[in-house]
Protein backbone atom coordinates (compact mmCIF):
# COMPACT_ATOMS: atom_id res chain seq x y z
CA MET A 1 20.81 -13.99 -0.09
CA VAL A 2 24.50 -13.39 0.61
CA ASN A 3 25.23 -17.15 0.66
CA TYR A 4 23.43 -17.56 -2.65
CA TYR A 5 25.44 -14.73 -4.20
CA GLY A 6 28.69 -16.21 -2.85
CA LYS A 7 27.96 -19.62 -4.37
CA LEU A 8 27.08 -18.09 -7.74
CA LYS A 9 30.23 -15.93 -7.71
CA THR A 10 32.39 -18.99 -7.02
CA LEU A 11 30.78 -20.90 -9.90
CA TRP A 12 31.16 -17.95 -12.28
CA ASP A 13 34.84 -17.50 -11.37
CA GLU A 14 35.49 -21.20 -11.94
CA LEU A 15 33.61 -21.15 -15.25
CA LYS A 16 35.62 -18.12 -16.38
CA MET A 17 38.85 -20.15 -16.11
CA TYR A 18 37.55 -22.57 -18.79
CA GLU A 19 36.33 -19.98 -21.28
CA PRO A 20 38.58 -19.26 -24.25
CA VAL A 21 40.26 -15.86 -24.28
CA LEU A 22 38.99 -13.78 -27.17
CA THR A 23 41.41 -11.41 -28.80
CA CYS A 24 40.87 -8.46 -31.03
CA SER A 25 41.65 -8.87 -34.74
CA CYS A 26 42.01 -5.16 -35.43
CA LYS A 27 45.44 -3.65 -35.05
CA GLY A 28 45.87 -1.38 -32.04
CA CYS A 29 42.46 -2.51 -30.65
CA LYS A 30 40.13 0.30 -31.57
CA CYS A 31 37.05 -1.84 -30.93
CA ASP A 32 37.63 -2.26 -27.16
CA ILE A 33 36.46 -5.88 -27.28
CA SER A 34 37.74 -6.80 -23.81
CA LYS A 35 35.65 -4.11 -22.13
CA LYS A 36 32.55 -5.05 -24.14
CA LEU A 37 33.06 -8.73 -23.33
CA GLN A 38 33.49 -8.00 -19.64
CA GLN A 39 30.27 -5.93 -19.64
CA TRP A 40 28.44 -8.71 -21.49
CA HIS A 41 29.50 -11.23 -18.81
CA GLU A 42 28.51 -8.84 -16.02
CA ASP A 43 25.05 -8.28 -17.52
CA GLY A 44 24.58 -12.03 -17.90
CA HIS A 45 25.50 -12.56 -14.26
CA VAL A 46 23.05 -9.85 -13.16
CA HIS A 47 20.27 -11.53 -15.15
CA GLN A 48 21.11 -15.01 -13.77
CA PHE A 49 21.23 -13.70 -10.21
CA LEU A 50 17.89 -11.89 -10.46
CA MET A 51 15.97 -14.57 -12.35
CA VAL A 52 16.48 -17.26 -9.71
CA LEU A 53 15.10 -15.12 -6.86
CA ASN A 54 11.60 -15.83 -5.53
CA ASP A 55 9.03 -14.22 -7.84
CA THR A 56 6.53 -13.15 -5.21
CA VAL A 57 9.06 -11.63 -2.82
CA TYR A 58 11.47 -9.88 -5.18
CA GLU A 59 9.30 -9.30 -8.26
CA THR A 60 9.02 -5.50 -7.99
CA ALA A 61 12.67 -4.89 -7.12
CA ARG A 62 13.81 -7.26 -9.87
CA SER A 63 11.58 -5.55 -12.48
CA ASN A 64 12.88 -2.13 -11.47
CA LEU A 65 16.51 -3.24 -11.71
CA LEU A 66 16.06 -4.93 -15.08
CA ALA A 67 14.38 -1.80 -16.43
CA THR A 68 17.39 0.41 -15.67
CA ASP A 69 19.68 1.28 -18.54
CA PRO A 70 22.51 0.52 -18.24
CA LEU A 71 22.15 -2.37 -15.82
CA PRO A 72 23.77 -1.75 -12.42
CA SER A 73 26.83 -3.81 -11.52
CA LEU A 74 26.36 -7.22 -9.94
CA ASN A 75 27.67 -5.92 -6.60
CA ARG A 76 25.16 -3.05 -6.66
CA VAL A 77 22.29 -5.41 -7.54
CA CYS A 78 23.23 -7.76 -4.71
CA SER A 79 23.42 -4.82 -2.28
CA ILE A 80 19.97 -3.59 -3.36
CA MET A 81 18.45 -7.05 -2.96
CA VAL A 82 19.98 -7.47 0.52
CA GLN A 83 18.45 -4.11 1.49
CA GLU A 84 15.10 -5.28 0.09
CA GLU A 85 15.38 -8.45 2.16
CA GLN A 86 16.10 -6.44 5.32
CA VAL A 87 13.17 -4.08 4.70
CA ARG A 88 10.85 -7.06 4.23
CA SER A 89 12.15 -8.65 7.42
CA VAL A 90 11.43 -5.49 9.43
CA ALA A 91 8.01 -5.12 7.79
CA ARG A 92 7.17 -8.74 8.68
CA ALA A 93 8.13 -8.14 12.32
CA VAL A 94 5.96 -5.00 12.48
CA ASP A 95 3.06 -6.87 10.86
CA GLU A 96 3.38 -9.72 13.38
CA ARG A 97 3.29 -7.21 16.27
CA ARG A 98 0.16 -5.63 14.80
CA LYS A 99 -1.50 -9.04 14.63
CA VAL A 100 -0.70 -9.67 18.30
CA VAL A 101 -2.09 -6.28 19.29
CA ALA A 102 -5.21 -6.93 17.20
CA LEU A 103 -5.64 -10.32 18.86
CA ILE A 104 -5.41 -8.73 22.31
CA ALA A 105 -7.88 -6.01 21.31
CA HIS A 106 -10.41 -8.63 20.20
CA THR A 107 -10.07 -10.73 23.35
CA PRO A 108 -13.39 -11.17 25.19
CA ALA A 109 -13.93 -8.73 28.08
CA ARG A 110 -13.94 -11.48 30.69
CA TRP A 111 -10.25 -12.22 29.88
CA LYS A 112 -9.00 -8.61 29.56
CA GLY A 113 -8.01 -8.31 33.21
CA CYS A 114 -6.50 -11.77 33.33
CA ILE A 115 -2.87 -11.91 34.41
CA ASP A 116 -1.16 -15.28 34.95
CA GLY A 117 -4.53 -17.02 35.02
CA LYS A 118 -5.97 -14.68 37.68
CA ASP A 119 -8.80 -12.30 36.88
CA THR A 120 -7.80 -8.88 38.26
CA ASN A 121 -11.29 -7.52 37.58
CA MET A 122 -12.79 -10.00 40.06
CA VAL A 123 -13.26 -8.87 43.71
CA CYS A 124 -14.20 -11.16 46.60
CA SER A 125 -17.32 -10.01 48.46
CA HIS A 126 -16.01 -11.57 51.72
CA CYS A 127 -12.39 -10.30 52.00
CA ASN A 128 -12.42 -7.60 49.27
CA SER A 129 -9.30 -9.07 47.63
CA THR A 130 -8.89 -9.19 43.87
CA SER A 131 -8.22 -12.25 41.74
CA HIS A 132 -10.93 -14.45 43.25
CA ASP A 133 -14.60 -14.48 44.23
CA LEU A 134 -16.51 -15.78 47.27
CA SER A 135 -16.62 -19.37 45.96
CA ASN A 136 -12.78 -19.49 45.83
CA CYS A 137 -11.98 -17.45 48.96
CA PHE A 138 -9.66 -19.39 51.30
CA GLN A 139 -11.09 -17.57 54.32
CA VAL A 140 -14.49 -19.11 53.48
CA ILE A 141 -13.51 -22.54 52.11
CA GLY A 142 -10.42 -22.99 54.29
CA TYR A 143 -6.71 -23.21 53.54
CA LEU A 144 -4.96 -26.30 52.17
CA ASP A 145 -3.21 -28.61 54.62
CA ARG A 146 0.55 -28.75 54.21
């Protein structure tokens, strides 16, 4: 988001150098044309910035900003959209954690006590150790030769 804003700002600044300078025709400038022109450019930049953003992700925030009167400054809009992006990032992380927890909760009972491939619910009837049963007990089947 910040990179996108930076690129747009650079292009707008460069474009501004090529635009003709408008001057007021009234004497003593009672119409305040320079301020109106500056606001017109700012509003145009806000609209350009918001309209290129992903519809599905930023649709609500964009609609809310465009509905405000007067439009916030471009810097304020960019700040709001960065905050929106951060909130969505945190929400995605929380949602992913919930999915992991849900996956663990729905794991079959025979795997619930499994740690590192060993079933901690299993108890050997020969040596009373956990993590194996009689058919895998080294005291019964013998130890491996080294």
